[in-house]
Amino acid sequence: MKNIYWASTGVLSLFLLWSSYTYLFSKATIEGVRNLGFPDYFRVQLAILKIIAVLTLLIPQIPLQAKEWAYAGITLFFITAIVAHTAHKDPFFITLINLALIGILVVSYYHLPKSIEG
């Protein structure tokens, strides 16, 4: 069970860290977020919150309730991404990616050890 948790959480964390990096440093992503209608401060805020969420999920000593809040925040991020890309009429493939990531998120949450030992 722990292996499933760490594998799914690792994949999710890698995506969130990569996404944060692109939100901060990729000109194409920065322009893409602007094209979706979001201001720059929101893009930076999302990048920082994703990094905080990753740290919250990966550090075993973080309390369970904080991890649950991180899962809620990540879920809201993916839902917001689906809504924004759909409203912008972006390719459906982007929605499929976000749905797959929600699936990985659900697997990670389901296998989250209720007593965090590492």
Protein backbone atom coordinates (compact mmCIF):
# COMPACT_ATOMS: atom_id res chain seq x y z
CA MET A 1 0.00 0.00 0.00
CA LYS A 2 2.80 2.43 0.85
CA ASN A 3 4.41 1.75 -2.53
CA ILE A 4 1.22 2.76 -4.33
CA TYR A 5 0.99 5.91 -2.22
CA TRP A 6 4.60 6.94 -2.84
CA ALA A 7 4.47 6.09 -6.57
CA SER A 8 1.26 8.02 -7.22
CA THR A 9 2.32 10.89 -4.97
CA GLY A 10 5.73 10.98 -6.66
CA VAL A 11 4.20 11.20 -10.15
CA LEU A 12 1.80 13.89 -8.97
CA SER A 13 4.59 15.82 -7.25
CA LEU A 14 6.84 15.70 -10.31
CA PHE A 15 4.04 17.08 -12.45
CA LEU A 16 3.27 19.86 -9.96
CA LEU A 17 6.95 20.83 -9.65
CA TRP A 18 7.38 20.84 -13.44
CA SER A 19 4.19 22.89 -13.77
CA SER A 20 5.42 25.36 -11.14
CA TYR A 21 8.72 25.72 -12.96
CA THR A 22 6.98 26.43 -16.27
CA TYR A 23 4.60 28.90 -14.60
CA LEU A 24 7.61 30.86 -13.39
CA PHE A 25 10.17 30.47 -16.19
CA SER A 26 8.61 29.28 -19.47
CA LYS A 27 7.67 32.15 -21.77
CA ALA A 28 5.19 29.92 -23.61
CA THR A 29 3.44 28.90 -20.40
CA ILE A 30 3.42 32.45 -19.05
CA GLU A 31 1.83 33.65 -22.28
CA GLY A 32 -0.59 30.71 -22.24
CA VAL A 33 -1.79 31.58 -18.75
CA ARG A 34 -2.28 35.19 -19.86
CA ASN A 35 -4.25 33.97 -22.88
CA LEU A 36 -6.56 32.08 -20.53
CA GLY A 37 -7.34 35.45 -18.94
CA PHE A 38 -5.46 35.05 -15.67
CA PRO A 39 -3.29 37.87 -14.32
CA ASP A 40 0.43 37.35 -13.68
CA TYR A 41 0.06 37.46 -9.90
CA PHE A 42 -2.35 34.52 -10.07
CA ARG A 43 0.15 32.50 -12.12
CA VAL A 44 2.91 33.17 -9.56
CA GLN A 45 0.53 32.42 -6.69
CA LEU A 46 -0.41 29.07 -8.25
CA ALA A 47 3.25 28.16 -8.76
CA ILE A 48 4.05 28.86 -5.11
CA LEU A 49 0.97 27.03 -3.85
CA LYS A 50 1.85 23.97 -5.95
CA ILE A 51 5.33 23.88 -4.41
CA ILE A 52 3.82 24.17 -0.93
CA ALA A 53 1.38 21.36 -1.75
CA VAL A 54 4.21 19.10 -2.94
CA LEU A 55 6.19 19.73 0.24
CA THR A 56 3.08 19.08 2.32
CA LEU A 57 2.47 15.73 0.63
CA LEU A 58 6.08 14.56 0.61
CA ILE A 59 7.16 15.44 4.15
CA PRO A 60 5.94 12.62 6.42
CA GLN A 61 5.93 14.78 9.56
CA ILE A 62 3.29 17.15 8.16
CA PRO A 63 -0.04 16.51 9.95
CA LEU A 64 -2.71 14.50 8.13
CA GLN A 65 -5.17 17.40 8.15
CA ALA A 66 -2.69 19.64 6.32
CA LYS A 67 -2.18 16.90 3.73
CA GLU A 68 -5.95 16.69 3.23
CA TRP A 69 -6.05 20.46 2.62
CA ALA A 70 -3.25 20.05 0.08
CA TYR A 71 -5.28 17.39 -1.74
CA ALA A 72 -8.28 19.73 -1.76
CA GLY A 73 -6.19 22.57 -3.18
CA ILE A 74 -4.67 20.37 -5.88
CA THR A 75 -8.14 19.13 -6.82
CA LEU A 76 -9.34 22.72 -7.18
CA PHE A 77 -6.33 23.50 -9.35
CA PHE A 78 -7.14 20.66 -11.75
CA ILE A 79 -10.84 21.56 -11.86
CA THR A 80 -9.97 25.20 -12.54
CA ALA A 81 -7.60 24.11 -15.29
CA ILE A 82 -10.32 22.01 -16.93
CA VAL A 83 -12.84 24.86 -16.78
CA ALA A 84 -10.34 27.45 -18.09
CA HIS A 85 -9.11 25.30 -20.97
CA THR A 86 -12.65 24.26 -21.91
CA ALA A 87 -13.85 27.88 -21.88
CA HIS A 88 -10.83 28.84 -23.99
CA LYS A 89 -11.77 26.03 -26.43
CA ASP A 90 -8.38 24.38 -26.09
CA PRO A 91 -7.93 20.80 -27.36
CA PHE A 92 -9.84 18.14 -25.41
CA PHE A 93 -6.52 16.36 -24.87
CA ILE A 94 -5.68 18.94 -22.18
CA THR A 95 -8.86 18.01 -20.33
CA LEU A 96 -7.95 14.32 -20.60
CA ILE A 97 -4.53 15.02 -19.09
CA ASN A 98 -6.13 16.89 -16.20
CA LEU A 99 -8.64 14.08 -15.67
CA ALA A 100 -5.80 11.54 -15.63
CA LEU A 101 -3.99 13.67 -13.05
CA ILE A 102 -7.17 13.80 -10.95
CA GLY A 103 -7.20 10.00 -11.15
CA ILE A 104 -3.60 9.85 -9.90
CA LEU A 105 -4.55 12.30 -7.15
CA VAL A 106 -7.43 10.05 -6.07
CA VAL A 107 -5.13 7.01 -5.97
CA SER A 108 -2.62 8.96 -3.88
CA TYR A 109 -5.30 10.16 -1.46
CA TYR A 110 -6.92 6.75 -1.18
CA HIS A 111 -3.58 5.17 -0.24
CA LEU A 112 -2.50 8.00 2.07
CA PRO A 113 -1.37 6.35 5.28
CA LYS A 114 -3.76 7.52 8.00
CA SER A 115 -0.86 7.46 10.43
CA ILE A 116 2.06 9.03 8.62
CA GLU A 117 5.24 7.12 9.36
CA GLY A 118 7.13 7.73 6.12
